[in-house]
Amino acid sequence: MPDLPPSPPRMRSDGINPGCESRGERIVGRVTLVCFAAVICWGTVSVLFIPSRVSLASMLIPVGAFTIGATLAHRIAARRARREVIAADYCLCLECRYPLATLPAGGTCPECGAAYEHEQVRTCWEWTLDEHWRS
């Protein structure tokens, strides 16, 4: 069987490469989800077991605090990721974020072995920063 070149990086059908999310961003998302579940549980317990003389405003304070905290955590993680990619001239590996700017225009990432092309990597990161992070 002939030696075949490595396949190019694959993107999901929605256009977002799963390798474009760092470990820190995944942790922020998971912590946010756990905190949200805790707030929902707290709200359910308070509605069922706390006397009705407790005001609605005092029950909504934790929900508001959670919403503000989750929004700030997301914005901080997004800004950090954006700075990292821009500092590397949009040339980071899509799988492991290894800086590829000093490497040849095409090849495999020395860190994770994923195939890359500078133009394709830049296009993915530019799209990700312009569309995905603004949500």
N, C-alpha and C. Protein backbone atom coordinates (compact mmCIF):
# COMPACT_ATOMS: atom_id res chain seq x y z
N MET A 1 0.85 -1.17 0.00
CA MET A 1 0.00 0.00 0.00
C MET A 1 0.90 1.24 0.00
N PRO A 2 0.58 2.24 -0.84
CA PRO A 2 1.44 3.43 -0.92
C PRO A 2 1.30 4.29 0.33
N ASP A 3 2.37 5.04 0.61
CA ASP A 3 2.33 5.97 1.74
C ASP A 3 1.44 7.15 1.36
N LEU A 4 0.44 7.38 2.16
CA LEU A 4 -0.48 8.49 1.92
C LEU A 4 -0.15 9.63 2.86
N PRO A 5 -0.32 10.87 2.39
CA PRO A 5 -0.07 12.01 3.28
C PRO A 5 -1.14 12.04 4.37
N PRO A 6 -0.82 12.64 5.50
CA PRO A 6 -1.83 12.73 6.56
C PRO A 6 -3.03 13.52 6.08
N SER A 7 -4.18 13.17 6.58
CA SER A 7 -5.40 13.87 6.19
C SER A 7 -5.41 15.27 6.80
N PRO A 8 -6.04 16.23 6.13
CA PRO A 8 -6.10 17.59 6.67
C PRO A 8 -6.98 17.63 7.90
N PRO A 9 -6.83 18.68 8.71
CA PRO A 9 -7.68 18.79 9.90
C PRO A 9 -9.15 18.82 9.48
N ARG A 10 -9.97 18.17 10.25
CA ARG A 10 -11.40 18.12 9.93
C ARG A 10 -12.17 19.06 10.85
N MET A 11 -13.20 19.66 10.27
CA MET A 11 -14.07 20.53 11.05
C MET A 11 -15.43 19.88 11.15
N ARG A 12 -16.15 20.16 12.20
CA ARG A 12 -17.50 19.65 12.34
C ARG A 12 -18.39 20.30 11.30
N SER A 13 -19.56 19.75 11.11
CA SER A 13 -20.48 20.27 10.09
C SER A 13 -20.93 21.70 10.39
N ASP A 14 -20.90 22.12 11.66
CA ASP A 14 -21.30 23.49 11.98
C ASP A 14 -20.15 24.48 11.82
N GLY A 15 -18.98 24.01 11.38
CA GLY A 15 -17.86 24.89 11.09
C GLY A 15 -16.97 25.20 12.26
N ILE A 16 -17.25 24.66 13.44
CA ILE A 16 -16.42 24.94 14.61
C ILE A 16 -15.52 23.75 14.84
N ASN A 17 -14.24 23.99 14.84
CA ASN A 17 -13.28 22.91 15.06
C ASN A 17 -13.23 22.60 16.54
N PRO A 18 -13.40 21.33 16.93
CA PRO A 18 -13.39 21.01 18.36
C PRO A 18 -12.05 21.29 19.03
N GLY A 19 -10.97 21.39 18.27
CA GLY A 19 -9.67 21.68 18.85
C GLY A 19 -9.45 23.14 19.16
N CYS A 20 -10.39 24.00 18.81
CA CYS A 20 -10.24 25.43 19.02
C CYS A 20 -10.61 25.86 20.43
N GLU A 21 -10.93 24.93 21.28
CA GLU A 21 -11.32 25.26 22.64
C GLU A 21 -10.25 24.75 23.59
N SER A 22 -9.73 25.63 24.41
CA SER A 22 -8.65 25.23 25.30
C SER A 22 -9.20 24.55 26.56
N ARG A 23 -8.31 23.93 27.32
CA ARG A 23 -8.70 23.25 28.55
C ARG A 23 -9.34 24.22 29.53
N GLY A 24 -8.76 25.41 29.63
CA GLY A 24 -9.32 26.41 30.55
C GLY A 24 -10.74 26.81 30.19
N GLU A 25 -11.03 26.92 28.89
CA GLU A 25 -12.37 27.27 28.46
C GLU A 25 -13.35 26.14 28.77
N ARG A 26 -12.90 24.90 28.62
CA ARG A 26 -13.77 23.76 28.94
C ARG A 26 -14.07 23.75 30.44
N ILE A 27 -13.06 24.06 31.26
CA ILE A 27 -13.27 24.08 32.71
C ILE A 27 -14.25 25.17 33.09
N VAL A 28 -14.11 26.35 32.49
CA VAL A 28 -15.05 27.45 32.77
C VAL A 28 -16.47 27.02 32.42
N GLY A 29 -16.63 26.36 31.28
CA GLY A 29 -17.96 25.90 30.88
C GLY A 29 -18.53 24.87 31.83
N ARG A 30 -17.70 23.96 32.28
CA ARG A 30 -18.18 22.92 33.19
C ARG A 30 -18.51 23.48 34.57
N VAL A 31 -17.67 24.38 35.07
CA VAL A 31 -17.95 25.00 36.37
C VAL A 31 -19.23 25.82 36.28
N THR A 32 -19.42 26.52 35.17
CA THR A 32 -20.64 27.29 34.97
C THR A 32 -21.86 26.37 35.00
N LEU A 33 -21.77 25.24 34.33
CA LEU A 33 -22.88 24.30 34.30
C LEU A 33 -23.19 23.75 35.69
N VAL A 34 -22.16 23.41 36.46
CA VAL A 34 -22.37 22.90 37.82
C VAL A 34 -23.00 23.98 38.70
N CYS A 35 -22.51 25.21 38.59
CA CYS A 35 -23.08 26.31 39.38
C CYS A 35 -24.54 26.57 38.99
N PHE A 36 -24.81 26.50 37.70
CA PHE A 36 -26.19 26.70 37.24
C PHE A 36 -27.11 25.62 37.82
N ALA A 37 -26.65 24.38 37.82
CA ALA A 37 -27.44 23.29 38.39
C ALA A 37 -27.67 23.53 39.89
N ALA A 38 -26.65 24.02 40.59
CA ALA A 38 -26.80 24.30 42.02
C ALA A 38 -27.82 25.41 42.26
N VAL A 39 -27.80 26.44 41.41
CA VAL A 39 -28.77 27.53 41.55
C VAL A 39 -30.19 27.02 41.29
N ILE A 40 -30.34 26.17 40.28
CA ILE A 40 -31.66 25.60 39.98
C ILE A 40 -32.16 24.76 41.17
N CYS A 41 -31.27 23.94 41.73
CA CYS A 41 -31.65 23.12 42.90
C CYS A 41 -32.02 24.01 44.08
N TRP A 42 -31.22 25.04 44.32
CA TRP A 42 -31.50 25.96 45.42
C TRP A 42 -32.87 26.62 45.21
N GLY A 43 -33.14 27.06 43.98
CA GLY A 43 -34.43 27.69 43.69
C GLY A 43 -35.60 26.75 43.90
N THR A 44 -35.43 25.51 43.47
CA THR A 44 -36.50 24.52 43.65
C THR A 44 -36.76 24.26 45.13
N VAL A 45 -35.70 24.07 45.90
CA VAL A 45 -35.84 23.82 47.34
C VAL A 45 -36.46 25.03 48.02
N SER A 46 -36.04 26.22 47.65
CA SER A 46 -36.57 27.42 48.30
C SER A 46 -38.05 27.62 47.98
N VAL A 47 -38.45 27.31 46.76
CA VAL A 47 -39.87 27.45 46.41
C VAL A 47 -40.72 26.44 47.17
N LEU A 48 -40.19 25.23 47.33
CA LEU A 48 -40.97 24.18 47.98
C LEU A 48 -40.99 24.28 49.50
N PHE A 49 -39.89 24.72 50.11
CA PHE A 49 -39.78 24.61 51.56
C PHE A 49 -39.65 25.92 52.32
N ILE A 50 -39.37 27.03 51.66
CA ILE A 50 -39.21 28.30 52.37
C ILE A 50 -40.58 28.98 52.44
N PRO A 51 -40.93 29.53 53.60
CA PRO A 51 -42.24 30.18 53.74
C PRO A 51 -42.44 31.29 52.72
N SER A 52 -43.68 31.56 52.40
CA SER A 52 -44.00 32.53 51.35
C SER A 52 -43.68 33.97 51.74
N ARG A 53 -43.38 34.24 53.00
CA ARG A 53 -43.08 35.63 53.38
C ARG A 53 -41.70 36.07 52.91
N VAL A 54 -40.87 35.14 52.43
CA VAL A 54 -39.58 35.52 51.87
C VAL A 54 -39.84 36.16 50.51
N SER A 55 -39.26 37.31 50.28
CA SER A 55 -39.55 38.04 49.04
C SER A 55 -38.90 37.38 47.82
N LEU A 56 -39.50 37.62 46.69
CA LEU A 56 -38.98 37.08 45.43
C LEU A 56 -37.61 37.68 45.12
N ALA A 57 -37.41 38.95 45.47
CA ALA A 57 -36.13 39.60 45.20
C ALA A 57 -34.99 38.90 45.91
N SER A 58 -35.21 38.48 47.16
CA SER A 58 -34.14 37.81 47.89
C SER A 58 -33.83 36.44 47.30
N MET A 59 -34.79 35.83 46.63
CA MET A 59 -34.54 34.54 45.99
C MET A 59 -33.84 34.71 44.65
N LEU A 60 -34.01 35.87 44.01
CA LEU A 60 -33.40 36.09 42.70
C LEU A 60 -31.96 36.59 42.78
N ILE A 61 -31.52 37.03 43.94
CA ILE A 61 -30.15 37.53 44.08
C ILE A 61 -29.12 36.47 43.69
N PRO A 62 -29.21 35.22 44.17
CA PRO A 62 -28.22 34.22 43.73
C PRO A 62 -28.26 33.95 42.23
N VAL A 63 -29.45 33.98 41.64
CA VAL A 63 -29.55 33.76 40.19
C VAL A 63 -28.86 34.90 39.44
N GLY A 64 -29.09 36.13 39.88
CA GLY A 64 -28.44 37.27 39.25
C GLY A 64 -26.93 37.23 39.43
N ALA A 65 -26.48 36.86 40.63
CA ALA A 65 -25.04 36.77 40.87
C ALA A 65 -24.42 35.69 39.99
N PHE A 66 -25.10 34.56 39.86
CA PHE A 66 -24.59 33.50 38.99
C PHE A 66 -24.51 33.97 37.55
N THR A 67 -25.55 34.63 37.06
CA THR A 67 -25.58 35.08 35.67
C THR A 67 -24.44 36.06 35.40
N ILE A 68 -24.24 36.99 36.29
CA ILE A 68 -23.15 37.96 36.12
C ILE A 68 -21.80 37.26 36.17
N GLY A 69 -21.61 36.35 37.13
CA GLY A 69 -20.35 35.62 37.24
C GLY A 69 -20.05 34.76 36.02
N ALA A 70 -21.06 34.06 35.52
CA ALA A 70 -20.86 33.21 34.34
C ALA A 70 -20.54 34.05 33.11
N THR A 71 -21.21 35.18 32.97
CA THR A 71 -20.93 36.06 31.83
C THR A 71 -19.51 36.61 31.90
N LEU A 72 -19.10 37.06 33.08
CA LEU A 72 -17.73 37.57 33.23
C LEU A 72 -16.69 36.48 32.97
N ALA A 73 -16.92 35.28 33.48
CA ALA A 73 -15.97 34.18 33.25
C ALA A 73 -15.85 33.86 31.77
N HIS A 74 -16.97 33.85 31.07
CA HIS A 74 -16.94 33.58 29.62
C HIS A 74 -16.18 34.68 28.88
N ARG A 75 -16.45 35.92 29.21
CA ARG A 75 -15.78 37.04 28.53
C ARG A 75 -14.28 37.04 28.80
N ILE A 76 -13.88 36.74 30.02
CA ILE A 76 -12.45 36.70 30.35
C ILE A 76 -11.76 35.58 29.59
N ALA A 77 -12.37 34.39 29.54
CA ALA A 77 -11.79 33.27 28.80
C ALA A 77 -11.72 33.58 27.31
N ALA A 78 -12.74 34.21 26.77
CA ALA A 78 -12.75 34.55 25.35
C ALA A 78 -11.67 35.58 25.03
N ARG A 79 -11.53 36.58 25.88
CA ARG A 79 -10.52 37.61 25.65
C ARG A 79 -9.11 37.02 25.73
N ARG A 80 -8.88 36.12 26.69
CA ARG A 80 -7.58 35.47 26.83
C ARG A 80 -7.26 34.63 25.59
N ALA A 81 -8.22 33.88 25.12
CA ALA A 81 -8.01 33.05 23.92
C ALA A 81 -7.75 33.92 22.70
N ARG A 82 -8.48 35.00 22.58
CA ARG A 82 -8.31 35.91 21.43
C ARG A 82 -6.89 36.51 21.44
N ARG A 83 -6.43 36.95 22.60
CA ARG A 83 -5.07 37.52 22.69
C ARG A 83 -4.01 36.49 22.32
N GLU A 84 -4.20 35.26 22.78
CA GLU A 84 -3.24 34.19 22.50
C GLU A 84 -3.14 33.94 20.99
N VAL A 85 -4.28 33.88 20.32
CA VAL A 85 -4.29 33.60 18.89
C VAL A 85 -3.72 34.78 18.11
N ILE A 86 -4.08 35.99 18.46
CA ILE A 86 -3.57 37.17 17.75
C ILE A 86 -2.07 37.30 17.95
N ALA A 87 -1.58 37.03 19.16
CA ALA A 87 -0.13 37.10 19.43
C ALA A 87 0.64 36.10 18.57
N ALA A 88 0.01 34.99 18.23
CA ALA A 88 0.67 33.97 17.40
C ALA A 88 0.37 34.19 15.92
N ASP A 89 -0.14 35.35 15.56
CA ASP A 89 -0.44 35.70 14.17
C ASP A 89 -1.42 34.71 13.54
N TYR A 90 -2.42 34.31 14.28
CA TYR A 90 -3.47 33.39 13.81
C TYR A 90 -2.90 32.07 13.32
N CYS A 91 -1.76 31.69 13.83
CA CYS A 91 -1.09 30.49 13.31
C CYS A 91 -0.80 29.51 14.45
N LEU A 92 -1.86 29.01 15.07
CA LEU A 92 -1.75 28.00 16.12
C LEU A 92 -2.38 26.71 15.62
N CYS A 93 -1.83 25.59 16.07
CA CYS A 93 -2.40 24.29 15.71
C CYS A 93 -3.86 24.24 16.17
N LEU A 94 -4.71 23.71 15.32
CA LEU A 94 -6.13 23.63 15.64
C LEU A 94 -6.43 22.59 16.70
N GLU A 95 -5.53 21.65 16.90
CA GLU A 95 -5.77 20.58 17.87
C GLU A 95 -5.18 20.90 19.25
N CYS A 96 -3.96 21.45 19.28
CA CYS A 96 -3.28 21.61 20.58
C CYS A 96 -2.80 23.04 20.84
N ARG A 97 -3.02 23.95 19.90
CA ARG A 97 -2.60 25.36 20.00
C ARG A 97 -1.08 25.55 20.03
N TYR A 98 -0.35 24.66 19.43
CA TYR A 98 1.09 24.82 19.30
C TYR A 98 1.35 25.92 18.28
N PRO A 99 2.28 26.87 18.53
CA PRO A 99 2.55 27.94 17.57
C PRO A 99 3.22 27.38 16.30
N LEU A 100 2.60 27.65 15.15
CA LEU A 100 3.08 27.11 13.88
C LEU A 100 3.73 28.17 12.99
N ALA A 101 3.80 29.41 13.43
CA ALA A 101 4.27 30.51 12.58
C ALA A 101 5.70 30.30 12.10
N THR A 102 6.56 29.71 12.90
CA THR A 102 7.96 29.54 12.51
C THR A 102 8.21 28.25 11.74
N LEU A 103 7.19 27.44 11.56
CA LEU A 103 7.33 26.16 10.86
C LEU A 103 7.00 26.35 9.38
N PRO A 104 7.33 25.37 8.53
CA PRO A 104 7.00 25.48 7.10
C PRO A 104 5.49 25.67 6.89
N ALA A 105 5.12 26.14 5.69
CA ALA A 105 3.73 26.49 5.39
C ALA A 105 2.77 25.31 5.50
N GLY A 106 3.25 24.12 5.41
CA GLY A 106 2.39 22.95 5.52
C GLY A 106 3.17 21.80 6.13
N GLY A 107 2.48 20.90 6.78
CA GLY A 107 3.16 19.76 7.38
C GLY A 107 2.35 19.21 8.53
N THR A 108 3.05 18.65 9.50
CA THR A 108 2.37 18.12 10.68
C THR A 108 2.88 18.85 11.92
N CYS A 109 2.01 19.03 12.86
CA CYS A 109 2.35 19.70 14.11
C CYS A 109 3.33 18.83 14.89
N PRO A 110 4.46 19.40 15.34
CA PRO A 110 5.42 18.60 16.10
C PRO A 110 4.90 18.20 17.49
N GLU A 111 3.91 18.90 17.99
CA GLU A 111 3.38 18.61 19.32
C GLU A 111 2.39 17.44 19.30
N CYS A 112 1.40 17.51 18.39
CA CYS A 112 0.33 16.50 18.40
C CYS A 112 0.25 15.66 17.13
N GLY A 113 0.98 16.05 16.08
CA GLY A 113 0.98 15.27 14.84
C GLY A 113 -0.15 15.58 13.89
N ALA A 114 -0.96 16.59 14.17
CA ALA A 114 -2.07 16.95 13.27
C ALA A 114 -1.52 17.65 12.03
N ALA A 115 -2.12 17.35 10.89
CA ALA A 115 -1.72 18.00 9.64
C ALA A 115 -2.21 19.45 9.66
N TYR A 116 -1.46 20.34 9.01
CA TYR A 116 -1.87 21.74 8.96
C TYR A 116 -1.39 22.38 7.67
N GLU A 117 -2.05 23.43 7.28
CA GLU A 117 -1.65 24.36 6.23
C GLU A 117 -1.84 25.74 6.83
N HIS A 118 -0.84 26.60 6.73
CA HIS A 118 -0.93 27.92 7.36
C HIS A 118 -2.20 28.67 6.95
N GLU A 119 -2.51 28.65 5.66
CA GLU A 119 -3.67 29.40 5.18
C GLU A 119 -4.97 28.86 5.79
N GLN A 120 -5.09 27.55 5.86
CA GLN A 120 -6.28 26.93 6.43
C GLN A 120 -6.39 27.22 7.93
N VAL A 121 -5.27 27.15 8.62
CA VAL A 121 -5.26 27.43 10.06
C VAL A 121 -5.65 28.88 10.32
N ARG A 122 -5.07 29.80 9.55
CA ARG A 122 -5.41 31.22 9.73
C ARG A 122 -6.89 31.47 9.47
N THR A 123 -7.42 30.86 8.40
CA THR A 123 -8.84 31.03 8.08
C THR A 123 -9.72 30.54 9.21
N CYS A 124 -9.39 29.38 9.76
CA CYS A 124 -10.18 28.83 10.87
C CYS A 124 -10.15 29.77 12.07
N TRP A 125 -8.96 30.23 12.45
CA TRP A 125 -8.86 31.10 13.63
C TRP A 125 -9.52 32.45 13.38
N GLU A 126 -9.37 33.02 12.17
CA GLU A 126 -10.01 34.30 11.89
C GLU A 126 -11.53 34.16 11.97
N TRP A 127 -12.06 33.07 11.41
CA TRP A 127 -13.50 32.85 11.49
C TRP A 127 -13.93 32.68 12.94
N THR A 128 -13.18 31.90 13.69
CA THR A 128 -13.53 31.63 15.08
C THR A 128 -13.54 32.91 15.89
N LEU A 129 -12.52 33.75 15.72
CA LEU A 129 -12.45 34.98 16.51
C LEU A 129 -13.49 35.99 16.08
N ASP A 130 -13.79 36.05 14.79
CA ASP A 130 -14.74 37.05 14.31
C ASP A 130 -16.19 36.66 14.57
N GLU A 131 -16.51 35.38 14.51
CA GLU A 131 -17.90 34.95 14.65
C GLU A 131 -18.18 34.29 16.00
N HIS A 132 -17.41 33.27 16.32
CA HIS A 132 -17.72 32.42 17.47
C HIS A 132 -17.57 33.17 18.80
N TRP A 133 -16.51 33.97 18.95
CA TRP A 133 -16.24 34.59 20.25
C TRP A 133 -17.13 35.79 20.52
N ARG A 134 -17.80 36.30 19.52
CA ARG A 134 -18.68 37.45 19.75
C ARG A 134 -20.03 37.05 20.30
N SER A 135 -20.31 35.77 20.32
CA SER A 135 -21.62 35.32 20.82
C SER A 135 -21.69 35.41 22.33
